[in-house]
């Protein structure tokens, strides 16, 4: 008998992967967590029935959520990661010798536990001595902090359940206060393609644009996410991701990546017309 895992991406669209083995299932106070082994995508982490990470394409997401900011400001030393319990974002950050400290705040310890056991490909950076793992609510954690972080990465799920509060004015204002003068905020900014995702994309961009003097959006292609066309937000008090970008500095580090490069860095901010129009409408 064949076993398939199906994500309902919209009311009218489903995406299925053939499963070899259901490796893990568990329910925390926040969400349902599952890990599958598949032929096509390797091990897959799903949360509440939605694909979060696959071994085959996770490098796209983690390259783009991390290296765009690090290449814009190579002097980043103190970092806060909110969410991203699989550890892929932290894995990429610890490759930078100049980073001195990373606060890794994940609300759901079960995601960390499952990832450590079944997804070492992403969780392997968690044991770096510069990383403090804090199992708590990132929304509460950031309150009251001022001028602390050079980079905040909000590696969140969609704005439902535990991730809902990571898309509010109050949260973005607290992020701005917590950033240093040259600090950067990177946020998961949804997708422009399907109506539900596009609505949240526009709402998030509108809020961030009202909070930060510099607010840009950049794109990446991830096959297992709905439509495959997804966005991150880049916000800063001072630094612009293209005008202040010095590719020769990042290239001199000699970091090997599978998706990110300095040409893609610039090109990712060149958005399709329909996406620009949707963002400008807000």
Foldseek 3Di string as FASTA:
>chain_A
DWDKQWACQDPPDIDIFTFPAWDDWDADPFWIWTWTAGDPFGIFIDTNSATDDTNRFNQQVLCVLAVLLCQLPVQWAEEEEEAPLLQQNLVVVVVRPNHQAYEYEYQDVVSNVVNVVRPCVRNVNCPPPRYDYHHRQPQVVLPPAAQAGQEYEYSADPLDTSNVVCQDLSSLLSVQRNHHQNHKYKYFQFFCPDDVRVVSNQSSQVSNVVRAVDKAKFWTAGPRRVVRIGIMMMGHNDTDSPVSGDQVVVVVVVDDGDHDHPVSSVVRRVDDPVSVVSNVVD
